[in-house]
Amino acid sequence: MLNRRLRISDAFVAVAAVTLVLGVVACAQQEEVVTGSAEIPYTTESETARELCMKGEYLSDIGRVVEAREQFMAAVAEDPGFVRAHFGQSNAAQSYKEFQMCLDQAGENIDAVSGGERLLVEINRTFLTNDTQRGVQLASELVHTYPDSARAAITLAGMQGAMNDNQGARDSYSRALEIDPQSAGALYGIASNYLFSEPRDFAKAEEYAQKVTVAYPNEAKAYELTGDIMRAQNNLDAALEAYNQATAMDPSLAQAQHKKGHVNSFLGNFDDARAAYDAAIEVAEPENKAGFAPYRAFTYIHAGDIDTALDELDAVAENVEAMGTPADQVKGLQVFALSSEAMAALYSGRYDRAASAIERRNQLQMEIAEDVGTEDARRLQEADCEMWDGLLAAYSGDMDAANEHADKIAVLVEGEDNPRKMEPYHYVMGMAYLKQDNYEKAAEHLRQADYKNLMYIRYHLALAEEGVGNVEEARAYFADVAGYNFNSVGFALLREEAIERTGG
C-alpha cells in the first residue's frame, strides 16, 4: 500500500489525481489471458526488469523503502513501460509529486497490461482522492480475480487496515499466509497490525515476528521488528538488545539505530539517545536524514526542555535542504519539522510560536499542492491547513474560529468516499470543547476522531472522559498512552503525564 508517510496524521498527506480511463476492448482481451492465473502478472519482456521489481517488492514488504525505490527505478530504466514497476515505485515514493508521477506514468501503458496490474494502479489512485471505500472495493475485486494470490490478499489487508477494519485485515493476511507461509509482506503486515492496531495483541505480534526471523534469519529488519514488539511490551532492555543485534548484522540499518534513540529517550538516557539519533542520521540515506532529525529534538521534550526542542525543530526545518535531501522532498520534510514544532508550542501554551510555525507549514503545504497541480491536491491540503488553523483557535480559546475552521474541513471533504473523512473535523471540535471545559461535547467529538491510532488524541479523550465521570474508561486510555512506547512529538509531550495519571 501507499507509503504510510503519506497519511494525513503524519508529515505527508495523500493528494489528488485524475481518474484512469481504461480501454474496454483491451481489458476484455487481457482478462482472457489472466483467467486462472494464481498470481498477478508482471507484464514485461525484460527478465532483468521483472527480477528488479520483485526484489523491490520484497524490500518494500520488510520496510526498506528507500532501497526498494532504487530497485523499482532500476526496473523502470530497463523497461520504461513496466507498469508494475511504476506502481511499486509509487508505494515507495518519497513525495506527493513522485507518487502522482509514478501513477501517471503507469497510466500511459495501462491498456497493455493485465487486469490485476490495472487494479493495483487504480487502488493507489484512491489515495489521491482519499476515497478509501473505493480502494477496498477494488482490492476485494483483485482478490476475487486472483483468489490464490498472496499479493492480492496483502493488498486487501492494507486497505482494510486503512479503514480501521483490523479483523478484516488480519483475516486477509492470514489468507495470504495460507497461500505462501513465508510471504514477507504478510508476516510483517500481520505482526505490525497486531502491534499497532486495535485490538492490539502483543503475543500474536511476537508469534509472527518469530516466524519472520525463522523465514529470514539473515534479514536485520527481522530483529528490528522483534525490538519493536519488546518495546511495546515495555521490555526496553530486550528492545535495545534486539536493535543492537540488528545493527550488528547491518551497520547501515539506520532505522534500528534510530530506534535506539527512542528507547534511550524513554529510559531517560538523553545523551545516549542524542548520540543514537546522530549515528542514525550519519548512516541514513539522504531521503531519511531530515526525517530522523526531529526526533533528536524530541529528547529535549522528554527531558522537559520545551524551548530547546522548539529551537532545534525550527533549525531542522531551516536545514532540510542542507542535509542533502532530494529537492522534491524538501518541503514535505520541512512540514514534518514545523508540524512537530507547532504541536509542542500549542501544548505548552506558546501560542505565538505555534502561530508562526503553523503559518509556515501551511504555506509549504499549499506549495506542495501547487507542485502536484491538481484540484484534489489543493482541496486535501487545504483541509489539512484548516485543521491546523482550527487547532490553534481551539487551544487559544477562540471557539467561534475553531468552529469556522472545522466547518471548512467538512465542506472540503464532503465528496470523499471515506467513512473516516470527518476525523479531522471532530479532532478540532473535540479540542475546542475540551479547552472550554465542556467535557461531554469534547468526548462526543473525540470519540469520532482518530483516537484509535493517535495517542495524542487518545490522551485528550481520556481527559474528556474523566471530566464526564467515566473514570475507568479514562484510566484505561491513560494506561494505553503511558505504555505505548512509540515515539512522536505527541508521545514525547504526554508520556510522563500519562504515567503520573496511572500512578506510575
Protein backbone atom coordinates (compact mmCIF):
# COMPACT_ATOMS: atom_id res chain seq x y z
CA MET A 1 0.00 0.00 0.00
CA LEU A 2 0.88 3.62 -0.19
CA ASN A 3 3.83 4.54 1.94
CA ARG A 4 2.36 5.38 5.32
CA ARG A 5 4.43 8.55 5.44
CA LEU A 6 1.68 9.90 3.21
CA ARG A 7 -1.04 9.60 5.83
CA ILE A 8 -2.85 12.74 6.96
CA SER A 9 -1.73 12.18 10.55
CA ASP A 10 1.95 12.20 9.57
CA ALA A 11 4.18 14.65 7.77
CA PHE A 12 2.55 13.94 4.47
CA VAL A 13 -0.99 13.72 3.11
CA ALA A 14 -2.02 11.77 0.04
CA VAL A 15 -3.17 14.18 -2.67
CA ALA A 16 -5.20 14.17 -5.81
CA ALA A 17 -5.06 12.89 -9.36
CA VAL A 18 -7.24 12.28 -12.37
CA THR A 19 -9.24 9.09 -12.88
CA LEU A 20 -7.77 6.42 -15.12
CA VAL A 21 -9.64 5.80 -18.36
CA LEU A 22 -9.41 2.13 -19.19
CA GLY A 23 -9.74 0.69 -22.68
CA VAL A 24 -12.72 -1.67 -22.62
CA VAL A 25 -11.52 -3.73 -25.55
CA ALA A 26 -8.02 -4.07 -24.13
CA CYS A 27 -9.48 -5.09 -20.77
CA ALA A 28 -11.55 -7.84 -22.33
CA GLN A 29 -8.55 -9.18 -24.22
CA GLN A 30 -6.30 -9.19 -21.15
CA GLU A 31 -8.88 -10.86 -18.92
CA GLU A 32 -8.79 -13.88 -21.22
CA VAL A 33 -5.03 -14.03 -20.71
CA VAL A 34 -5.07 -13.90 -16.89
CA THR A 35 -8.09 -16.11 -16.17
CA GLY A 36 -6.92 -18.91 -13.90
CA SER A 37 -3.61 -17.21 -13.05
CA ALA A 38 -2.56 -17.76 -9.44
CA GLU A 39 -0.52 -14.57 -9.12
CA ILE A 40 -0.91 -11.08 -10.50
CA PRO A 41 1.22 -11.00 -13.68
CA TYR A 42 4.32 -8.89 -14.28
CA THR A 43 3.79 -7.57 -17.80
CA THR A 44 7.29 -7.00 -19.17
CA GLU A 45 9.51 -8.63 -21.77
CA SER A 46 12.61 -7.85 -19.69
CA GLU A 47 13.54 -10.58 -17.23
CA THR A 48 16.00 -8.18 -15.61
CA ALA A 49 13.24 -5.61 -15.02
CA ARG A 50 10.98 -8.31 -13.60
CA GLU A 51 13.65 -9.50 -11.15
CA LEU A 52 14.40 -5.93 -10.06
CA CYS A 53 10.71 -5.29 -9.47
CA MET A 54 10.30 -8.46 -7.41
CA LYS A 55 13.32 -7.53 -5.32
CA GLY A 56 11.82 -4.08 -4.81
CA GLU A 57 8.57 -5.61 -3.60
CA TYR A 58 10.41 -7.74 -1.03
CA LEU A 59 12.36 -4.72 0.23
CA SER A 60 9.16 -2.69 0.43
CA ASP A 61 7.44 -5.52 2.33
CA ILE A 62 10.10 -5.54 5.05
CA GLY A 63 10.31 -1.76 5.38
CA ARG A 64 13.47 -1.00 3.40
CA VAL A 65 11.58 1.62 1.43
CA VAL A 66 14.43 3.70 0.06
CA GLU A 67 16.26 0.57 -1.13
CA ALA A 68 13.01 -0.68 -2.67
CA ARG A 69 12.60 2.59 -4.53
CA GLU A 70 16.06 2.17 -6.06
CA GLN A 71 15.10 -1.29 -7.37
CA PHE A 72 11.85 -0.05 -8.89
CA MET A 73 13.63 2.85 -10.55
CA ALA A 74 16.20 0.44 -11.99
CA ALA A 75 13.37 -1.75 -13.30
CA VAL A 76 11.79 1.27 -14.99
CA ALA A 77 15.16 2.12 -16.55
CA GLU A 78 15.25 -1.38 -18.03
CA ASP A 79 11.64 -1.17 -19.26
CA PRO A 80 10.12 2.34 -19.20
CA GLY A 81 6.66 0.91 -19.93
CA PHE A 82 6.72 -1.55 -16.99
CA VAL A 83 3.50 -0.65 -15.16
CA ARG A 84 4.12 -2.93 -12.15
CA ALA A 85 7.47 -1.19 -11.50
CA HIS A 86 5.87 2.27 -11.72
CA PHE A 87 3.23 1.05 -9.27
CA GLY A 88 5.93 -0.30 -6.95
CA GLN A 89 7.78 2.99 -7.02
CA SER A 90 4.56 4.77 -6.09
CA ASN A 91 4.43 2.64 -2.92
CA ALA A 92 7.98 3.70 -2.10
CA ALA A 93 7.51 7.32 -3.19
CA GLN A 94 9.17 9.94 -1.03
CA SER A 95 6.98 12.88 -2.03
CA TYR A 96 3.50 13.70 -3.26
CA LYS A 97 4.85 14.71 -6.61
CA GLU A 98 6.68 11.42 -7.06
CA PHE A 99 3.61 9.41 -6.07
CA GLN A 100 1.50 11.29 -8.59
CA MET A 101 4.18 10.99 -11.28
CA CYS A 102 4.54 7.21 -10.86
CA LEU A 103 0.82 6.58 -11.21
CA ASP A 104 0.62 8.89 -14.22
CA GLN A 105 3.49 7.02 -15.86
CA ALA A 106 1.79 3.71 -15.08
CA GLY A 107 -1.34 5.06 -16.74
CA GLU A 108 0.48 5.67 -20.02
CA ASN A 109 0.72 1.90 -20.63
CA ILE A 110 -2.26 0.71 -18.63
CA ASP A 111 -4.14 -0.75 -21.61
CA ALA A 112 -1.30 -3.16 -22.37
CA VAL A 113 -1.22 -4.96 -19.03
CA SER A 114 -3.27 -7.45 -17.06
CA GLY A 115 -6.46 -6.66 -15.23
CA GLY A 116 -4.66 -7.28 -11.95
CA GLU A 117 -2.00 -4.70 -12.66
CA ARG A 118 -4.66 -2.20 -13.67
CA LEU A 119 -6.46 -2.80 -10.39
CA LEU A 120 -3.26 -2.21 -8.41
CA VAL A 121 -2.82 1.18 -10.06
CA GLU A 122 -6.48 2.09 -9.54
CA ILE A 123 -6.24 1.14 -5.86
CA ASN A 124 -3.33 3.50 -5.32
CA ARG A 125 -5.15 6.26 -7.14
CA THR A 126 -7.85 6.14 -4.47
CA PHE A 127 -5.29 7.54 -2.01
CA LEU A 128 -5.06 10.64 -4.17
CA THR A 129 -8.71 11.49 -3.59
CA ASN A 130 -9.00 9.92 -0.11
CA ASP A 131 -11.64 7.51 -1.44
CA THR A 132 -10.61 4.55 0.67
CA GLN A 133 -14.02 2.89 0.46
CA ARG A 134 -13.48 2.65 -3.30
CA GLY A 135 -9.99 1.30 -2.61
CA VAL A 136 -11.40 -1.54 -0.50
CA GLN A 137 -13.90 -2.36 -3.25
CA LEU A 138 -11.14 -2.52 -5.86
CA ALA A 139 -8.91 -4.62 -3.58
CA SER A 140 -11.81 -7.02 -3.00
CA GLU A 141 -12.20 -7.28 -6.76
CA LEU A 142 -8.47 -8.03 -7.01
CA VAL A 143 -8.82 -10.89 -4.52
CA HIS A 144 -11.87 -12.21 -6.37
CA THR A 145 -9.92 -12.19 -9.65
CA TYR A 146 -6.79 -13.73 -8.10
CA PRO A 147 -8.06 -15.85 -5.18
CA ASP A 148 -4.77 -17.74 -4.93
CA SER A 149 -2.55 -14.66 -4.94
CA ALA A 150 -0.80 -13.75 -1.70
CA ARG A 151 -0.09 -10.29 -3.09
CA ALA A 152 -3.78 -9.69 -3.76
CA ALA A 153 -4.68 -10.70 -0.18
CA ILE A 154 -1.93 -8.44 1.23
CA THR A 155 -3.24 -5.54 -0.86
CA LEU A 156 -6.75 -6.03 0.51
CA ALA A 157 -5.36 -6.26 4.06
CA GLY A 158 -3.62 -2.92 3.64
CA MET A 159 -6.80 -1.23 2.50
CA GLN A 160 -8.82 -2.80 5.30
CA GLY A 161 -6.26 -1.59 7.82
CA ALA A 162 -6.54 1.93 6.41
CA MET A 163 -10.28 1.73 7.17
CA ASN A 164 -9.62 0.50 10.75
CA ASP A 165 -11.13 -2.86 9.79
CA ASN A 166 -8.36 -4.67 11.60
CA GLN A 167 -10.09 -8.01 11.92
CA GLY A 168 -10.66 -7.98 8.19
CA ALA A 169 -7.01 -7.08 7.65
CA ARG A 170 -5.86 -9.94 9.89
CA ASP A 171 -8.10 -12.38 8.04
CA SER A 172 -6.65 -11.23 4.72
CA TYR A 173 -3.06 -11.50 5.95
CA SER A 174 -3.87 -14.99 7.27
CA ARG A 175 -5.25 -15.92 3.85
CA ALA A 176 -2.01 -14.69 2.26
CA LEU A 177 -0.04 -16.89 4.67
CA GLU A 178 -2.18 -19.90 3.77
CA ILE A 179 -1.12 -19.33 0.17
CA ASP A 180 2.52 -18.53 0.98
CA PRO A 181 3.58 -19.25 4.58
CA GLN A 182 6.85 -17.34 4.08
CA SER A 183 5.36 -14.23 2.50
CA ALA A 184 7.39 -11.33 3.89
CA GLY A 185 4.57 -8.88 3.22
CA ALA A 186 2.01 -10.98 5.05
CA LEU A 187 4.26 -11.82 8.02
CA TYR A 188 5.37 -8.23 8.53
CA GLY A 189 1.90 -6.94 7.85
CA ILE A 190 0.08 -9.11 10.35
CA ALA A 191 2.76 -8.65 13.03
CA SER A 192 2.56 -4.88 12.62
CA ASN A 193 -1.24 -4.94 12.66
CA TYR A 194 -1.32 -6.80 15.97
CA LEU A 195 1.39 -4.46 17.29
CA PHE A 196 -0.19 -1.12 16.39
CA SER A 197 -3.88 -1.61 15.61
CA GLU A 198 -6.84 -2.14 17.93
CA PRO A 199 -7.39 -4.54 19.49
CA ARG A 200 -3.64 -4.91 19.94
CA ASP A 201 -2.27 -8.35 20.79
CA PHE A 202 1.44 -8.35 21.60
CA ALA A 203 1.60 -12.12 21.98
CA LYS A 204 0.30 -12.55 18.45
CA ALA A 205 2.67 -9.87 17.17
CA GLU A 206 5.60 -11.68 18.79
CA GLU A 207 4.44 -15.00 17.34
CA TYR A 208 4.52 -13.64 13.80
CA ALA A 209 7.77 -11.74 14.39
CA GLN A 210 9.40 -15.03 15.37
CA LYS A 211 8.15 -16.50 12.10
CA VAL A 212 9.81 -13.62 10.26
CA THR A 213 13.11 -14.40 12.00
CA VAL A 214 12.83 -18.10 11.10
CA ALA A 215 11.90 -17.37 7.47
CA TYR A 216 14.54 -14.64 7.04
CA PRO A 217 17.34 -15.35 9.54
CA ASN A 218 19.83 -13.13 7.71
CA GLU A 219 17.48 -10.14 7.49
CA ALA A 220 18.38 -7.48 10.06
CA LYS A 221 14.91 -5.94 9.78
CA ALA A 222 13.51 -9.12 11.35
CA TYR A 223 15.40 -8.38 14.56
CA GLU A 224 14.39 -4.74 14.38
CA LEU A 225 10.76 -5.90 14.32
CA THR A 226 11.42 -8.01 17.42
CA GLY A 227 12.79 -4.90 19.10
CA ASP A 228 9.59 -3.01 18.27
CA ILE A 229 7.50 -5.71 19.92
CA MET A 230 9.71 -5.82 23.02
CA ARG A 231 9.38 -2.03 23.22
CA ALA A 232 5.59 -2.26 23.01
CA GLN A 233 5.63 -4.65 25.99
CA ASN A 234 7.77 -2.15 27.94
CA ASN A 235 10.72 -4.54 27.91
CA LEU A 236 13.11 -1.77 26.95
CA ASP A 237 16.33 -3.65 27.73
CA ALA A 238 15.28 -6.50 25.44
CA ALA A 239 14.33 -3.97 22.77
CA LEU A 240 17.81 -2.42 22.91
CA GLU A 241 19.35 -5.88 22.65
CA ALA A 242 17.30 -6.64 19.55
CA TYR A 243 18.19 -3.32 17.92
CA ASN A 244 21.86 -3.90 18.73
CA GLN A 245 21.60 -7.30 17.05
CA ALA A 246 20.03 -5.70 14.00
CA THR A 247 22.72 -3.04 13.65
CA ALA A 248 25.47 -5.62 14.23
CA MET A 249 24.07 -7.61 11.30
CA ASP A 250 23.68 -4.50 9.15
CA PRO A 251 25.58 -1.40 10.33
CA SER A 252 23.87 0.65 7.60
CA LEU A 253 20.42 -0.05 9.06
CA ALA A 254 19.65 3.49 10.15
CA GLN A 255 16.12 2.71 11.34
CA ALA A 256 17.34 0.31 14.03
CA GLN A 257 19.99 2.81 15.15
CA HIS A 258 17.26 5.47 15.23
CA LYS A 259 15.09 3.29 17.45
CA LYS A 260 17.88 3.00 20.00
CA GLY A 261 17.36 6.73 20.38
CA HIS A 262 13.69 6.17 21.15
CA VAL A 263 14.40 3.57 23.83
CA ASN A 264 17.07 5.68 25.49
CA SER A 265 14.68 8.65 25.45
CA PHE A 266 12.12 6.60 27.37
CA LEU A 267 14.78 5.39 29.81
CA GLY A 268 15.88 8.97 30.47
CA ASN A 269 19.32 8.38 28.92
CA PHE A 270 19.15 11.58 26.91
CA ASP A 271 22.84 11.86 25.99
CA ASP A 272 22.78 8.27 24.73
CA ALA A 273 19.55 8.98 22.85
CA ARG A 274 21.05 12.00 21.08
CA ALA A 275 24.16 10.01 20.21
CA ALA A 276 21.98 7.26 18.72
CA TYR A 277 19.98 9.76 16.67
CA ASP A 278 23.20 11.38 15.43
CA ALA A 279 24.53 7.96 14.43
CA ALA A 280 21.30 7.17 12.59
CA ILE A 281 21.42 10.46 10.70
CA GLU A 282 25.06 9.80 9.81
CA VAL A 283 24.37 6.44 8.11
CA ALA A 284 20.90 7.23 6.75
CA GLU A 285 20.16 7.70 3.07
CA PRO A 286 19.67 11.35 2.01
CA GLU A 287 15.92 10.66 1.81
CA ASN A 288 15.81 9.85 5.54
CA LYS A 289 18.29 12.17 7.24
CA ALA A 290 15.92 15.11 7.66
CA GLY A 291 13.09 12.77 8.62
CA PHE A 292 15.15 11.41 11.51
CA ALA A 293 16.38 14.78 12.75
CA PRO A 294 13.20 15.98 14.57
CA TYR A 295 13.38 13.00 16.91
CA ARG A 296 16.65 14.29 18.30
CA ALA A 297 14.76 17.45 19.26
CA PHE A 298 12.12 15.30 20.97
CA THR A 299 14.74 14.24 23.55
CA TYR A 300 14.50 17.77 24.97
CA ILE A 301 10.72 17.43 25.24
CA HIS A 302 11.15 14.15 27.11
CA ALA A 303 13.60 15.99 29.37
CA GLY A 304 11.13 18.82 29.96
CA ASP A 305 13.05 21.47 27.99
CA ILE A 306 10.41 22.65 25.52
CA ASP A 307 12.22 25.83 24.45
CA THR A 308 15.35 23.99 23.33
CA ALA A 309 13.18 21.47 21.49
CA LEU A 310 11.32 24.24 19.66
CA ASP A 311 14.57 25.92 18.64
CA GLU A 312 16.04 22.66 17.38
CA LEU A 313 12.89 21.81 15.40
CA ASP A 314 12.97 25.26 13.86
CA ALA A 315 16.62 24.71 12.90
CA VAL A 316 15.78 21.34 11.35
CA ALA A 317 13.15 22.99 9.17
CA GLU A 318 15.71 25.54 8.02
CA ASN A 319 18.39 22.94 7.31
CA VAL A 320 16.43 20.23 5.47
CA GLU A 321 17.91 21.13 2.10
CA ALA A 322 21.43 21.46 3.50
CA MET A 323 21.20 17.86 4.78
CA GLY A 324 21.25 16.64 1.19
CA THR A 325 17.53 15.98 0.93
CA PRO A 326 16.36 15.45 -2.68
CA ALA A 327 14.69 18.61 -3.99
CA ASP A 328 11.17 17.17 -4.34
CA GLN A 329 11.20 16.02 -0.70
CA VAL A 330 12.42 19.20 0.98
CA LYS A 331 9.04 20.86 1.54
CA GLY A 332 7.41 17.74 2.94
CA LEU A 333 10.17 17.23 5.48
CA GLN A 334 10.04 20.90 6.42
CA VAL A 335 6.33 20.41 7.07
CA PHE A 336 7.13 17.48 9.37
CA ALA A 337 9.56 19.54 11.46
CA LEU A 338 7.23 22.57 11.59
CA SER A 339 4.20 20.41 12.46
CA SER A 340 6.16 18.95 15.37
CA GLU A 341 7.19 22.45 16.45
CA ALA A 342 3.60 23.67 16.20
CA MET A 343 2.23 20.78 18.28
CA ALA A 344 4.81 21.27 21.03
CA ALA A 345 4.17 25.02 21.07
CA LEU A 346 0.39 24.54 21.20
CA TYR A 347 0.53 22.04 24.04
CA SER A 348 2.89 24.19 26.09
CA GLY A 349 0.84 27.36 25.62
CA ARG A 350 3.35 29.17 23.41
CA TYR A 351 0.66 30.31 21.00
CA ASP A 352 2.65 32.99 19.18
CA ARG A 353 5.34 30.42 18.42
CA ALA A 354 2.66 27.95 17.32
CA ALA A 355 1.02 30.52 15.06
CA SER A 356 4.32 31.23 13.32
CA ALA A 357 5.07 27.54 12.77
CA ILE A 358 1.54 26.83 11.52
CA GLU A 359 1.65 29.75 9.10
CA ARG A 360 4.92 28.47 7.64
CA ARG A 361 3.86 24.82 7.44
CA ASN A 362 0.54 25.73 5.82
CA GLN A 363 2.28 27.84 3.20
CA LEU A 364 4.53 24.88 2.39
CA GLN A 365 1.55 22.50 2.28
CA MET A 366 -0.16 24.65 -0.31
CA GLU A 367 3.07 24.96 -2.31
CA ILE A 368 3.23 21.16 -2.36
CA ALA A 369 -0.33 21.11 -3.66
CA GLU A 370 0.63 23.55 -6.41
CA ASP A 371 3.63 21.35 -7.28
CA VAL A 372 1.26 18.42 -7.77
CA GLY A 373 -1.10 20.66 -9.69
CA THR A 374 -4.49 19.02 -9.23
CA GLU A 375 -7.68 20.32 -7.68
CA ASP A 376 -7.90 17.35 -5.32
CA ALA A 377 -4.37 18.09 -4.11
CA ARG A 378 -5.35 21.65 -3.34
CA ARG A 379 -8.57 20.56 -1.63
CA LEU A 380 -6.95 17.94 0.59
CA GLN A 381 -4.04 20.14 1.53
CA GLU A 382 -6.39 22.99 2.28
CA ALA A 383 -8.39 20.71 4.58
CA ASP A 384 -5.18 19.82 6.40
CA CYS A 385 -4.32 23.51 6.78
CA GLU A 386 -7.80 24.24 8.14
CA MET A 387 -7.25 21.52 10.74
CA TRP A 388 -4.07 23.20 11.99
CA ASP A 389 -5.65 26.64 11.98
CA GLY A 390 -8.58 25.13 13.85
CA LEU A 391 -6.30 23.61 16.47
CA LEU A 392 -4.62 26.97 17.00
CA ALA A 393 -8.02 28.57 17.52
CA ALA A 394 -9.10 25.75 19.85
CA TYR A 395 -6.02 25.98 22.05
CA SER A 396 -6.26 29.78 22.09
CA GLY A 397 -9.84 29.56 23.38
CA ASP A 398 -11.49 31.03 20.27
CA MET A 399 -14.48 28.73 19.95
CA ASP A 400 -16.06 30.64 17.07
CA ALA A 401 -12.90 30.50 14.95
CA ALA A 402 -12.37 26.80 15.73
CA ASN A 403 -15.91 26.05 14.66
CA GLU A 404 -15.42 28.05 11.45
CA HIS A 405 -12.28 26.11 10.52
CA ALA A 406 -13.93 22.79 11.35
CA ASP A 407 -16.90 23.66 9.13
CA LYS A 408 -14.50 24.39 6.28
CA ILE A 409 -12.97 20.94 6.71
CA ALA A 410 -16.42 19.39 6.46
CA VAL A 411 -17.11 21.19 3.19
CA LEU A 412 -13.71 20.28 1.71
CA VAL A 413 -14.03 16.54 2.43
CA GLU A 414 -17.75 16.29 1.66
CA GLY A 415 -17.34 14.41 -1.63
CA GLU A 416 -14.86 11.81 -0.38
CA ASP A 417 -15.84 8.13 -0.29
CA ASN A 418 -14.16 7.57 3.05
CA PRO A 419 -16.04 6.91 6.31
CA ARG A 420 -13.08 8.38 8.22
CA LYS A 421 -13.09 11.68 6.35
CA MET A 422 -14.61 13.68 9.23
CA GLU A 423 -11.98 12.67 11.80
CA PRO A 424 -10.05 15.98 11.47
CA TYR A 425 -13.30 17.91 11.90
CA HIS A 426 -14.06 16.05 15.13
CA TYR A 427 -10.48 16.48 16.32
CA VAL A 428 -10.71 20.27 16.06
CA MET A 429 -14.15 20.41 17.65
CA GLY A 430 -13.19 17.99 20.39
CA MET A 431 -10.14 20.06 21.36
CA ALA A 432 -12.15 23.28 21.20
CA TYR A 433 -14.78 21.96 23.61
CA LEU A 434 -12.12 20.46 25.86
CA LYS A 435 -10.44 23.84 26.20
CA GLN A 436 -13.86 25.23 27.18
CA ASP A 437 -14.19 22.52 29.86
CA ASN A 438 -17.26 21.19 28.06
CA TYR A 439 -16.25 17.59 28.66
CA GLU A 440 -19.41 15.99 27.37
CA LYS A 441 -19.16 17.68 23.97
CA ALA A 442 -15.40 17.13 23.89
CA ALA A 443 -15.80 13.40 24.49
CA GLU A 444 -18.57 13.18 21.89
CA HIS A 445 -16.28 14.63 19.21
CA LEU A 446 -13.00 13.00 20.23
CA ARG A 447 -14.64 9.57 20.14
CA GLN A 448 -15.14 10.27 16.41
CA ALA A 449 -11.58 11.49 15.85
CA ASP A 450 -8.60 9.19 15.22
CA TYR A 451 -8.05 8.24 18.85
CA LYS A 452 -7.58 4.59 17.91
CA ASN A 453 -4.31 5.32 16.13
CA LEU A 454 -3.06 8.60 17.60
CA MET A 455 -2.06 8.55 21.25
CA TYR A 456 -2.18 12.35 21.46
CA ILE A 457 -5.90 12.29 20.68
CA ARG A 458 -6.45 9.30 22.96
CA TYR A 459 -4.90 11.17 25.87
CA HIS A 460 -7.23 14.12 25.36
CA LEU A 461 -10.19 11.79 25.02
CA ALA A 462 -9.14 10.37 28.39
CA LEU A 463 -9.25 13.88 29.87
CA ALA A 464 -12.73 14.38 28.46
CA GLU A 465 -13.96 11.01 29.73
CA GLU A 466 -12.54 11.78 33.15
CA GLY A 467 -14.33 15.13 33.11
CA VAL A 468 -17.62 13.42 32.24
CA GLY A 469 -17.13 10.97 35.10
CA ASN A 470 -16.15 7.89 33.11
CA VAL A 471 -13.19 7.27 35.39
CA GLU A 472 -12.44 3.65 34.49
CA GLU A 473 -12.51 4.32 30.78
CA ALA A 474 -10.28 7.35 31.23
CA ARG A 475 -7.82 5.34 33.32
CA ALA A 476 -7.61 2.68 30.59
CA TYR A 477 -6.87 5.32 27.96
CA PHE A 478 -4.19 6.93 30.15
CA ALA A 479 -2.60 3.49 30.60
CA ASP A 480 -2.62 2.95 26.84
CA VAL A 481 -0.76 6.21 26.31
CA ALA A 482 1.70 5.65 29.16
CA GLY A 483 2.82 2.29 27.81
CA TYR A 484 2.70 2.99 24.10
CA ASN A 485 6.48 3.44 23.69
CA PHE A 486 6.45 4.55 20.04
CA ASN A 487 7.93 7.98 19.65
CA SER A 488 6.27 11.07 18.23
CA VAL A 489 6.03 14.68 19.31
CA GLY A 490 2.67 13.92 20.92
CA PHE A 491 4.02 10.96 22.87
CA ALA A 492 7.05 12.99 23.96
CA LEU A 493 4.72 15.69 25.29
CA LEU A 494 2.37 13.34 27.12
CA ARG A 495 4.28 10.26 28.23
CA GLU A 496 5.26 11.47 31.70
CA GLU A 497 1.84 12.96 32.37
CA ALA A 498 0.13 9.74 31.34
CA ILE A 499 2.42 7.72 33.60
CA GLU A 500 1.63 10.03 36.53
CA ARG A 501 -2.09 9.65 35.90
CA THR A 502 -1.79 5.87 36.09
CA GLY A 503 0.07 6.07 39.38
CA GLY A 504 3.40 5.15 37.80
